[in-house]
N, C-alpha and C. Protein backbone atom coordinates (compact mmCIF):
# COMPACT_ATOMS: atom_id res chain seq x y z
N MET A 1 0.84 -1.17 -0.02
CA MET A 1 -0.01 -0.02 -0.07
C MET A 1 0.87 1.24 0.06
N LYS A 2 1.81 1.27 0.87
CA LYS A 2 2.81 2.38 0.94
C LYS A 2 3.60 2.56 -0.39
N LEU A 3 3.89 1.51 -0.99
CA LEU A 3 4.64 1.52 -2.27
C LEU A 3 3.76 2.18 -3.34
N GLN A 4 2.55 1.76 -3.27
CA GLN A 4 1.56 2.33 -4.38
C GLN A 4 1.44 3.79 -4.16
N PHE A 5 1.36 4.28 -2.86
CA PHE A 5 1.24 5.66 -2.59
C PHE A 5 2.47 6.44 -3.13
N ILE A 6 3.60 5.91 -2.86
CA ILE A 6 4.83 6.66 -3.27
C ILE A 6 4.83 6.60 -4.86
N CYS A 7 4.49 5.52 -5.45
CA CYS A 7 4.63 5.46 -6.93
C CYS A 7 3.51 6.50 -7.55
N LEU A 8 2.32 6.60 -6.84
CA LEU A 8 1.35 7.56 -7.33
C LEU A 8 1.84 8.94 -7.13
N PHE A 9 2.41 9.25 -5.99
CA PHE A 9 2.98 10.58 -5.75
C PHE A 9 4.04 10.98 -6.71
N MET A 10 4.91 9.99 -7.06
CA MET A 10 6.05 10.23 -8.02
C MET A 10 5.56 10.47 -9.32
N ALA A 11 4.50 9.79 -9.85
CA ALA A 11 3.76 9.95 -11.17
C ALA A 11 3.19 11.39 -11.11
N ILE A 12 2.48 11.76 -10.18
CA ILE A 12 1.90 13.05 -10.16
C ILE A 12 2.89 14.20 -10.15
N PHE A 13 4.12 13.96 -9.39
CA PHE A 13 5.05 14.97 -9.29
C PHE A 13 5.75 15.18 -10.71
N THR A 14 6.05 13.93 -11.32
CA THR A 14 6.67 13.92 -12.60
C THR A 14 5.83 14.66 -13.65
N PHE A 15 4.53 14.36 -13.58
CA PHE A 15 3.61 14.98 -14.57
C PHE A 15 3.65 16.47 -14.40
N MET A 16 3.53 16.92 -13.04
CA MET A 16 3.57 18.35 -12.87
C MET A 16 4.82 19.01 -13.28
N PHE A 17 5.96 18.39 -12.96
CA PHE A 17 7.19 18.89 -13.33
C PHE A 17 7.40 18.94 -14.84
N THR A 18 6.94 17.98 -15.52
CA THR A 18 6.94 17.85 -16.99
C THR A 18 6.28 19.00 -17.57
N GLU A 19 5.02 19.19 -17.08
CA GLU A 19 4.15 20.25 -17.56
C GLU A 19 4.92 21.57 -17.50
N PHE A 20 5.55 22.02 -16.38
CA PHE A 20 6.22 23.27 -16.22
C PHE A 20 7.59 23.17 -17.16
N ALA A 21 8.16 22.16 -17.24
CA ALA A 21 9.52 22.09 -17.83
C ALA A 21 9.39 22.28 -19.38
N PHE A 22 8.13 22.04 -19.86
CA PHE A 22 7.96 22.22 -21.37
C PHE A 22 7.18 23.53 -21.73
N ALA A 23 6.94 24.35 -20.79
CA ALA A 23 6.19 25.61 -21.05
C ALA A 23 7.20 26.51 -21.78
N GLY A 24 6.71 27.13 -22.83
CA GLY A 24 7.60 27.96 -23.58
C GLY A 24 7.29 29.47 -23.45
N ALA A 25 8.07 30.36 -23.92
CA ALA A 25 7.76 31.77 -23.91
C ALA A 25 6.93 32.18 -24.98
N CYS A 26 5.87 32.86 -24.71
CA CYS A 26 4.96 33.43 -25.64
C CYS A 26 4.96 35.02 -25.66
N GLU A 27 5.50 35.59 -26.69
CA GLU A 27 5.54 37.03 -26.84
C GLU A 27 4.36 37.47 -27.60
N ILE A 28 3.55 38.23 -27.15
CA ILE A 28 2.38 38.89 -27.78
C ILE A 28 2.80 40.31 -28.11
N GLN A 29 2.80 40.64 -29.33
CA GLN A 29 3.19 41.98 -29.83
C GLN A 29 1.94 42.74 -30.17
N TYR A 30 1.72 43.92 -29.52
CA TYR A 30 0.59 44.76 -29.78
C TYR A 30 0.86 45.99 -30.57
N THR A 31 0.19 46.38 -31.53
CA THR A 31 0.24 47.59 -32.21
C THR A 31 -1.17 48.16 -32.42
N ARG A 32 -1.43 49.23 -31.78
CA ARG A 32 -2.77 49.93 -31.75
C ARG A 32 -2.78 51.03 -32.68
N THR A 33 -3.93 51.22 -33.31
CA THR A 33 -4.31 52.41 -34.08
C THR A 33 -5.37 53.17 -33.27
N SER A 34 -5.20 54.33 -32.82
CA SER A 34 -6.18 54.99 -32.02
C SER A 34 -7.21 55.69 -32.88
N CYS A 35 -8.32 55.99 -32.28
CA CYS A 35 -9.28 56.83 -32.81
C CYS A 35 -8.68 58.32 -32.79
N PRO A 36 -9.19 59.14 -33.76
CA PRO A 36 -8.68 60.60 -33.73
C PRO A 36 -8.65 61.20 -32.35
N ASP A 37 -7.46 61.85 -32.02
CA ASP A 37 -7.39 62.40 -30.70
C ASP A 37 -7.47 61.58 -29.49
N LYS A 38 -7.41 60.35 -29.58
CA LYS A 38 -7.40 59.43 -28.48
C LYS A 38 -6.11 58.66 -28.15
N GLU A 39 -5.04 59.20 -28.81
CA GLU A 39 -3.81 58.45 -28.66
C GLU A 39 -3.39 58.17 -27.22
N LYS A 40 -3.48 59.24 -26.45
CA LYS A 40 -2.99 59.04 -25.05
C LYS A 40 -3.71 57.98 -24.31
N ILE A 41 -5.02 57.87 -24.44
CA ILE A 41 -5.75 56.78 -23.74
C ILE A 41 -5.57 55.47 -24.48
N SER A 42 -5.56 55.42 -25.73
CA SER A 42 -5.46 54.25 -26.53
C SER A 42 -4.12 53.55 -26.35
N TYR A 43 -3.11 54.32 -26.14
CA TYR A 43 -1.74 53.73 -26.07
C TYR A 43 -1.33 53.58 -24.58
N LYS A 44 -2.11 53.83 -23.62
CA LYS A 44 -1.84 53.80 -22.14
C LYS A 44 -1.48 52.35 -21.79
N LYS A 45 -2.01 51.32 -22.43
CA LYS A 45 -1.69 50.02 -22.06
C LYS A 45 -0.25 49.57 -22.53
N CYS A 46 0.30 50.40 -23.43
CA CYS A 46 1.69 50.14 -23.79
C CYS A 46 2.60 51.37 -23.29
N LYS A 47 2.12 51.85 -22.20
CA LYS A 47 2.93 53.00 -21.55
C LYS A 47 3.15 54.14 -22.43
N GLY A 48 2.12 54.47 -23.08
CA GLY A 48 2.15 55.65 -24.02
C GLY A 48 2.71 55.42 -25.37
N LYS A 49 3.09 54.22 -25.68
CA LYS A 49 3.64 53.88 -27.05
C LYS A 49 2.60 53.14 -27.84
N GLN A 50 2.64 53.32 -29.08
CA GLN A 50 1.74 52.68 -30.01
C GLN A 50 1.93 51.17 -30.02
N SER A 51 3.21 50.71 -29.80
CA SER A 51 3.46 49.30 -29.85
C SER A 51 4.20 48.84 -28.69
N CYS A 52 3.98 47.63 -28.19
CA CYS A 52 4.77 46.99 -27.14
C CYS A 52 4.41 45.47 -27.13
N SER A 53 5.17 44.81 -26.30
CA SER A 53 5.11 43.33 -26.13
C SER A 53 4.79 42.97 -24.76
N LYS A 54 4.06 41.88 -24.57
CA LYS A 54 3.81 41.34 -23.29
C LYS A 54 4.16 39.77 -23.40
N PHE A 55 4.66 39.39 -22.33
CA PHE A 55 5.12 37.96 -22.29
C PHE A 55 4.41 37.11 -21.41
N LYS A 56 4.08 35.89 -21.87
CA LYS A 56 3.33 34.92 -21.11
C LYS A 56 3.88 33.66 -21.33
N GLU A 57 3.50 32.55 -20.48
CA GLU A 57 3.91 31.18 -20.68
C GLU A 57 2.87 30.49 -21.49
N ALA A 58 3.33 29.54 -22.36
CA ALA A 58 2.31 28.78 -23.11
C ALA A 58 3.01 27.38 -23.23
N SER A 59 2.14 26.34 -23.34
CA SER A 59 2.58 24.98 -23.42
C SER A 59 2.94 24.61 -24.93
N SER A 60 2.36 25.38 -25.80
CA SER A 60 2.62 25.05 -27.31
C SER A 60 2.41 26.33 -28.21
N ALA A 61 2.86 26.29 -29.29
CA ALA A 61 2.74 27.39 -30.29
C ALA A 61 1.21 27.74 -30.44
N GLN A 62 0.38 26.54 -30.46
CA GLN A 62 -1.02 26.74 -30.72
C GLN A 62 -1.64 27.45 -29.56
N GLU A 63 -1.25 27.18 -28.30
CA GLU A 63 -1.81 27.98 -27.18
C GLU A 63 -1.42 29.39 -27.19
N CYS A 64 -0.12 29.64 -27.61
CA CYS A 64 0.32 31.01 -27.75
C CYS A 64 -0.45 31.79 -28.85
N GLY A 65 -0.83 31.11 -29.88
CA GLY A 65 -1.75 31.66 -30.92
C GLY A 65 -3.10 31.97 -30.47
N GLU A 66 -3.62 31.21 -29.60
CA GLU A 66 -4.90 31.36 -29.10
C GLU A 66 -5.00 32.53 -28.20
N MET A 67 -3.90 32.72 -27.38
CA MET A 67 -3.80 33.85 -26.47
C MET A 67 -3.72 35.08 -27.41
N ALA A 68 -2.94 35.07 -28.52
CA ALA A 68 -2.79 36.18 -29.40
C ALA A 68 -4.13 36.52 -29.97
N VAL A 69 -4.85 35.54 -30.44
CA VAL A 69 -6.24 35.92 -30.95
C VAL A 69 -7.11 36.57 -29.85
N SER A 70 -7.14 36.10 -28.60
CA SER A 70 -7.88 36.67 -27.49
C SER A 70 -7.44 38.07 -27.14
N SER A 71 -6.16 38.37 -27.51
CA SER A 71 -5.60 39.75 -27.31
C SER A 71 -6.21 40.69 -28.22
N CYS A 72 -6.87 40.37 -29.26
CA CYS A 72 -7.43 41.20 -30.17
C CYS A 72 -8.68 41.86 -29.61
N LYS A 73 -9.27 41.38 -28.58
CA LYS A 73 -10.51 41.88 -27.93
C LYS A 73 -10.33 43.44 -27.75
N ASN A 74 -11.36 44.22 -28.14
CA ASN A 74 -11.23 45.68 -28.01
C ASN A 74 -12.53 46.28 -27.31
N LYS A 75 -12.43 46.40 -26.03
CA LYS A 75 -13.66 46.84 -25.32
C LYS A 75 -13.78 48.44 -25.49
N ARG A 76 -12.75 49.12 -25.84
CA ARG A 76 -12.79 50.52 -26.02
C ARG A 76 -12.90 50.97 -27.51
N VAL A 77 -14.11 50.67 -27.97
CA VAL A 77 -14.19 50.81 -29.41
C VAL A 77 -14.23 52.25 -29.90
N THR A 78 -14.51 53.23 -29.04
CA THR A 78 -14.43 54.64 -29.38
C THR A 78 -13.13 55.25 -29.14
N VAL A 79 -12.20 54.46 -28.60
CA VAL A 79 -10.79 54.90 -28.29
C VAL A 79 -9.82 54.29 -29.15
N THR A 80 -9.82 52.92 -29.36
CA THR A 80 -8.81 52.17 -30.20
C THR A 80 -9.57 51.77 -31.45
N LYS A 81 -9.11 52.32 -32.49
CA LYS A 81 -9.73 51.99 -33.83
C LYS A 81 -9.52 50.60 -34.33
N SER A 82 -8.26 50.03 -34.06
CA SER A 82 -7.83 48.67 -34.40
C SER A 82 -6.58 48.28 -33.82
N LYS A 83 -6.28 46.96 -33.90
CA LYS A 83 -5.07 46.37 -33.28
C LYS A 83 -4.46 45.44 -34.35
N VAL A 84 -3.13 45.42 -34.26
CA VAL A 84 -2.40 44.31 -35.05
C VAL A 84 -1.80 43.38 -33.92
N ILE A 85 -2.04 42.21 -33.91
CA ILE A 85 -1.36 41.39 -32.92
C ILE A 85 -0.55 40.32 -33.55
N ASN A 86 0.77 40.37 -33.29
CA ASN A 86 1.71 39.39 -33.76
C ASN A 86 2.11 38.57 -32.53
N ALA A 87 2.65 37.36 -32.76
CA ALA A 87 3.16 36.45 -31.73
C ALA A 87 4.32 35.67 -32.08
N LEU A 88 5.24 35.41 -31.06
CA LEU A 88 6.27 34.65 -31.12
C LEU A 88 6.31 33.61 -30.06
N TYR A 89 6.60 32.31 -30.47
CA TYR A 89 6.69 31.24 -29.52
C TYR A 89 8.15 30.79 -29.40
N ASP A 90 8.65 30.93 -28.35
CA ASP A 90 10.15 30.60 -28.15
C ASP A 90 10.96 31.35 -29.19
N ASP A 91 10.70 32.54 -29.43
CA ASP A 91 11.37 33.42 -30.31
C ASP A 91 11.17 33.22 -31.75
N LYS A 92 10.24 32.26 -32.09
CA LYS A 92 9.97 31.92 -33.52
C LYS A 92 8.54 32.59 -33.89
N GLN A 93 8.56 33.33 -34.92
CA GLN A 93 7.26 33.91 -35.43
C GLN A 93 6.28 32.78 -35.67
N ILE A 94 5.05 33.02 -35.19
CA ILE A 94 3.98 32.09 -35.51
C ILE A 94 2.86 32.78 -36.18
N LYS A 95 2.06 32.02 -36.91
CA LYS A 95 1.04 32.62 -37.76
C LYS A 95 -0.33 32.23 -37.39
N ALA A 96 -1.34 33.02 -37.83
CA ALA A 96 -2.65 32.77 -37.45
C ALA A 96 -3.17 31.64 -38.38
N SER A 97 -4.34 31.03 -38.08
CA SER A 97 -4.86 29.96 -38.91
C SER A 97 -5.01 30.16 -40.29
N ASN A 98 -5.04 31.47 -40.80
CA ASN A 98 -5.20 31.90 -42.19
C ASN A 98 -3.80 32.10 -42.82
N GLY A 99 -2.72 31.94 -42.08
CA GLY A 99 -1.44 32.11 -42.61
C GLY A 99 -0.88 33.51 -42.44
N SER A 100 -1.65 34.46 -41.82
CA SER A 100 -1.31 35.72 -41.68
C SER A 100 -0.38 36.01 -40.36
N ASP A 101 0.39 36.98 -40.33
CA ASP A 101 1.16 37.31 -39.20
C ASP A 101 0.25 38.00 -38.08
N ASP A 102 -0.81 38.69 -38.60
CA ASP A 102 -1.76 39.41 -37.74
C ASP A 102 -2.87 38.48 -37.21
N PHE A 103 -2.90 38.15 -35.91
CA PHE A 103 -3.84 37.32 -35.40
C PHE A 103 -5.23 37.90 -35.40
N CYS A 104 -5.34 39.29 -35.44
CA CYS A 104 -6.66 39.96 -35.52
C CYS A 104 -7.41 39.60 -36.81
N THR A 105 -6.73 39.11 -37.81
CA THR A 105 -7.37 38.81 -39.10
C THR A 105 -8.36 37.67 -38.98
N VAL A 106 -8.17 36.80 -37.88
CA VAL A 106 -8.98 35.76 -37.64
C VAL A 106 -9.91 35.88 -36.48
N TYR A 107 -9.81 37.09 -35.80
CA TYR A 107 -10.60 37.37 -34.64
C TYR A 107 -12.10 37.48 -35.05
N GLU A 108 -12.94 36.77 -34.48
CA GLU A 108 -14.30 36.63 -35.01
C GLU A 108 -15.20 37.95 -34.76
N LYS A 109 -14.78 38.77 -33.72
CA LYS A 109 -15.59 39.99 -33.47
C LYS A 109 -14.91 41.28 -34.08
N ALA A 110 -13.91 41.09 -34.88
CA ALA A 110 -13.18 42.29 -35.50
C ALA A 110 -14.12 43.26 -36.09
N ALA A 111 -15.13 42.84 -36.75
CA ALA A 111 -16.10 43.71 -37.58
C ALA A 111 -16.90 44.47 -36.56
N GLU A 112 -17.15 43.88 -35.39
CA GLU A 112 -17.95 44.52 -34.37
C GLU A 112 -17.21 45.53 -33.50
N GLU A 113 -15.86 45.24 -33.28
CA GLU A 113 -15.10 45.97 -32.30
C GLU A 113 -14.03 46.91 -32.99
N PHE A 114 -13.73 46.81 -34.20
CA PHE A 114 -12.84 47.69 -34.89
C PHE A 114 -13.49 48.64 -35.85
N ASN A 115 -12.78 49.81 -36.06
CA ASN A 115 -13.30 50.88 -36.90
C ASN A 115 -14.66 51.37 -36.48
N LYS A 116 -14.86 51.67 -35.13
CA LYS A 116 -16.06 52.07 -34.52
C LYS A 116 -15.91 53.46 -33.81
N CYS A 117 -14.88 54.23 -34.27
CA CYS A 117 -14.60 55.49 -33.63
C CYS A 117 -15.71 56.39 -33.48
N ASP A 118 -16.67 56.36 -34.32
CA ASP A 118 -17.75 57.30 -34.31
C ASP A 118 -18.97 56.81 -33.41
N GLY A 119 -18.72 55.61 -32.92
CA GLY A 119 -19.76 55.14 -31.89
C GLY A 119 -20.60 54.12 -32.51
């Protein structure tokens, strides 16, 4: 019984360690286009710059790509006109499902959330 518990513990520990050992670096690159006269607030998330990168952990390039697509979300439709989101997984450029470098080209709500500066 004790041996089974130890084996189970070792299996769980190995699985958890393996999960963390294979996580890769996912760099999400943001480039925003602001609505007219809204640059300051639109670029605030990039510390006042039009472009910046944020780094996350991902278990695969596919997971990194999924995070990139979700980064296209635009709640501030009268502030940010559009976004271009690129991604690198372990320093290698990855592409959206349509072959584009810009993950917002496959974002399902792009038509609803982009180019709405006038309200």
